[in-house]
Amino acid sequence: MARISRPLLALTLVAAALLLVGFRPFTDVQSVCPKCPEKGDRVSFKDGKVMTCKVIGKNEDGWVLERYGEIRFAQFREVAKVDFQSGAEPKGIDGYDQVLIDNKGQTILHGTLIAIEPGKPMALKAVRGQVYLIAPKQVLVYYHRGKRRAPPKSK
């Protein structure tokens, strides 16, 4: 029987867990100006839904979307296409880091990782300046500069 390396096994398990994660809709918010055109990127989902929001990040598994301060993760397999307000995908959106929290709310944190040590909380500085500490057991998967990584385990 072939022996599988630990990092490969960990990434395989994380990839399998991502199959269970699906896009969670944004909170339903009514515009204060219903007649005003919505500004932002148009995301068309494979199930026919279309929404206007801002694409703030991209990693190897999907898009990071923001609408009225809420952040959501939509996997590429769920999205049919994205029409960017600027006409093209903004440069550098794959240069950020994300941490997908292992909870029913499918929380995703977006910014820059500032600490990744096995057995210790991860630290991420959000784009707006907040610093989040995430316990290793809360991390489903994290992305460093767009590349999927398994959560760091205790030594």
Protein backbone atom coordinates (compact mmCIF):
# COMPACT_ATOMS: atom_id res chain seq x y z
CA MET A 1 0.00 0.00 0.00
CA ALA A 2 1.39 3.39 -0.98
CA ARG A 3 2.14 5.79 1.83
CA ILE A 4 0.52 9.23 1.59
CA SER A 5 2.41 12.22 2.98
CA ARG A 6 0.80 14.08 5.89
CA PRO A 7 0.58 17.46 4.10
CA LEU A 8 -1.05 15.82 1.07
CA LEU A 9 -3.53 13.99 3.29
CA ALA A 10 -4.35 17.22 5.17
CA LEU A 11 -4.98 19.15 1.94
CA THR A 12 -7.13 16.30 0.62
CA LEU A 13 -9.29 16.40 3.76
CA VAL A 14 -9.59 20.19 3.53
CA ALA A 15 -10.58 20.00 -0.14
CA ALA A 16 -13.25 17.42 0.75
CA ALA A 17 -14.59 19.71 3.49
CA LEU A 18 -14.86 22.57 0.98
CA LEU A 19 -17.30 20.51 -1.07
CA LEU A 20 -19.77 20.93 1.79
CA VAL A 21 -19.43 24.73 1.80
CA GLY A 22 -21.84 26.62 -0.42
CA PHE A 23 -22.57 30.30 -0.94
CA ARG A 24 -24.55 31.78 1.94
CA PRO A 25 -26.77 34.66 0.77
CA PHE A 26 -26.20 38.17 2.02
CA THR A 27 -28.66 39.67 4.50
CA ASP A 28 -31.66 41.06 2.62
CA VAL A 29 -31.24 44.84 2.73
CA GLN A 30 -33.50 47.36 1.00
CA SER A 31 -31.81 50.25 -0.77
CA VAL A 32 -32.44 53.76 0.55
CA CYS A 33 -32.71 54.78 -3.09
CA PRO A 34 -34.70 52.07 -4.90
CA LYS A 35 -34.65 54.01 -8.20
CA CYS A 36 -30.87 54.48 -8.17
CA PRO A 37 -28.86 51.97 -10.21
CA GLU A 38 -26.83 49.53 -8.12
CA LYS A 39 -23.09 49.99 -8.40
CA GLY A 40 -20.60 47.16 -8.21
CA ASP A 41 -19.65 43.93 -9.88
CA ARG A 42 -22.44 41.64 -11.18
CA VAL A 43 -22.06 38.03 -10.09
CA SER A 44 -24.19 35.48 -11.96
CA PHE A 45 -24.65 32.15 -10.21
CA LYS A 46 -25.23 28.85 -11.98
CA ASP A 47 -28.63 28.54 -10.27
CA GLY A 48 -29.79 31.70 -12.11
CA LYS A 49 -29.42 34.24 -9.28
CA VAL A 50 -27.67 37.49 -10.10
CA MET A 51 -26.39 39.94 -7.52
CA THR A 52 -24.52 43.20 -7.46
CA CYS A 53 -21.70 43.32 -4.93
CA LYS A 54 -17.97 44.02 -4.87
CA VAL A 55 -15.44 41.29 -5.60
CA ILE A 56 -12.69 42.01 -3.06
CA GLY A 57 -10.62 38.85 -3.31
CA LYS A 58 -9.89 35.70 -5.24
CA ASN A 59 -8.20 32.47 -4.26
CA GLU A 60 -7.76 29.09 -5.91
CA ASP A 61 -11.26 27.97 -4.88
CA GLY A 62 -13.45 31.03 -5.44
CA TRP A 63 -14.36 34.67 -5.07
CA VAL A 64 -14.56 36.78 -1.90
CA LEU A 65 -17.59 39.06 -2.16
CA GLU A 66 -18.56 42.12 -0.10
CA ARG A 67 -21.94 43.83 0.12
CA TYR A 68 -22.90 46.46 2.71
CA GLY A 69 -19.99 45.37 4.92
CA GLU A 70 -20.80 41.64 4.86
CA ILE A 71 -18.24 39.28 3.36
CA ARG A 72 -19.15 36.01 1.68
CA PHE A 73 -17.27 33.28 -0.15
CA ALA A 74 -18.57 31.87 -3.45
CA GLN A 75 -16.78 28.89 -4.94
CA PHE A 76 -15.96 28.93 -8.65
CA ARG A 77 -18.19 25.86 -9.11
CA GLU A 78 -21.20 28.00 -7.99
CA VAL A 79 -20.51 31.05 -10.17
CA ALA A 80 -21.37 31.18 -13.87
CA LYS A 81 -19.63 34.50 -14.53
CA VAL A 82 -18.56 37.82 -13.05
CA ASP A 83 -19.01 41.12 -14.86
CA PHE A 84 -16.63 43.60 -13.27
CA GLN A 85 -17.80 47.19 -12.96
CA SER A 86 -14.42 48.37 -14.25
CA GLY A 87 -14.69 46.04 -17.27
CA ALA A 88 -11.85 43.74 -16.15
CA GLU A 89 -10.77 41.83 -13.07
CA PRO A 90 -8.91 44.24 -10.78
CA LYS A 91 -5.21 43.60 -10.39
CA GLY A 92 -4.05 42.29 -7.04
CA ILE A 93 -7.29 40.75 -5.80
CA ASP A 94 -5.47 37.43 -5.46
CA GLY A 95 -2.80 39.02 -3.25
CA TYR A 96 -4.83 38.90 -0.04
CA ASP A 97 -5.23 36.16 2.55
CA GLN A 98 -8.44 34.59 3.80
CA VAL A 99 -9.41 32.35 6.70
CA LEU A 100 -12.57 30.27 6.31
CA ILE A 101 -14.00 29.58 9.77
CA ASP A 102 -15.43 26.13 10.50
CA ASN A 103 -18.96 27.17 11.54
CA LYS A 104 -22.50 27.07 10.18
CA GLY A 105 -22.32 30.78 9.31
CA GLN A 106 -19.49 30.16 6.82
CA THR A 107 -17.60 33.15 8.15
CA ILE A 108 -14.66 34.27 6.03
CA LEU A 109 -12.05 36.75 7.19
CA HIS A 110 -10.17 38.72 4.52
CA GLY A 111 -6.93 40.68 4.82
CA THR A 112 -3.29 39.87 5.57
CA LEU A 113 -2.10 37.02 7.77
CA ILE A 114 0.37 38.32 10.34
CA ALA A 115 0.95 35.16 12.42
CA ILE A 116 0.82 31.47 11.49
CA GLU A 117 2.39 29.22 14.11
CA PRO A 118 1.43 25.58 14.75
CA GLY A 119 -0.67 25.25 17.91
CA LYS A 120 -1.15 29.01 18.34
CA PRO A 121 -3.98 31.28 17.23
CA MET A 122 -3.67 32.65 13.71
CA ALA A 123 -3.71 36.43 13.41
CA LEU A 124 -5.18 38.23 10.42
CA LYS A 125 -5.25 41.98 9.88
CA ALA A 126 -8.41 42.90 7.97
CA VAL A 127 -8.35 45.43 5.15
CA ARG A 128 -10.10 47.97 7.42
CA GLY A 129 -7.49 47.52 10.18
CA GLN A 130 -9.15 45.14 12.66
CA VAL A 131 -6.97 42.28 13.90
CA TYR A 132 -8.61 38.88 14.35
CA LEU A 133 -7.19 35.99 16.39
CA ILE A 134 -8.48 32.60 15.28
CA ALA A 135 -8.01 29.41 17.31
CA PRO A 136 -6.50 26.58 15.22
CA LYS A 137 -9.54 24.35 15.82
CA GLN A 138 -11.80 27.05 14.27
CA VAL A 139 -9.92 27.14 10.94
CA LEU A 140 -11.51 25.07 8.18
CA VAL A 141 -8.99 26.25 5.61
CA TYR A 142 -6.91 29.33 4.97
CA TYR A 143 -5.56 30.93 1.83
CA HIS A 144 -2.18 32.62 1.72
CA ARG A 145 -1.82 34.84 -1.33
CA GLY A 146 -4.57 32.88 -3.07
CA LYS A 147 -3.18 29.40 -2.37
CA ARG A 148 -5.15 26.95 -0.20
CA ARG A 149 -3.41 25.76 2.95
CA ALA A 150 -4.41 23.25 5.61
CA PRO A 151 -4.81 24.72 9.09
CA PRO A 152 -1.60 24.59 11.15
CA LYS A 153 -1.81 21.80 13.71
CA SER A 154 -0.26 21.58 17.16
CA LYS A 155 3.25 20.23 17.37
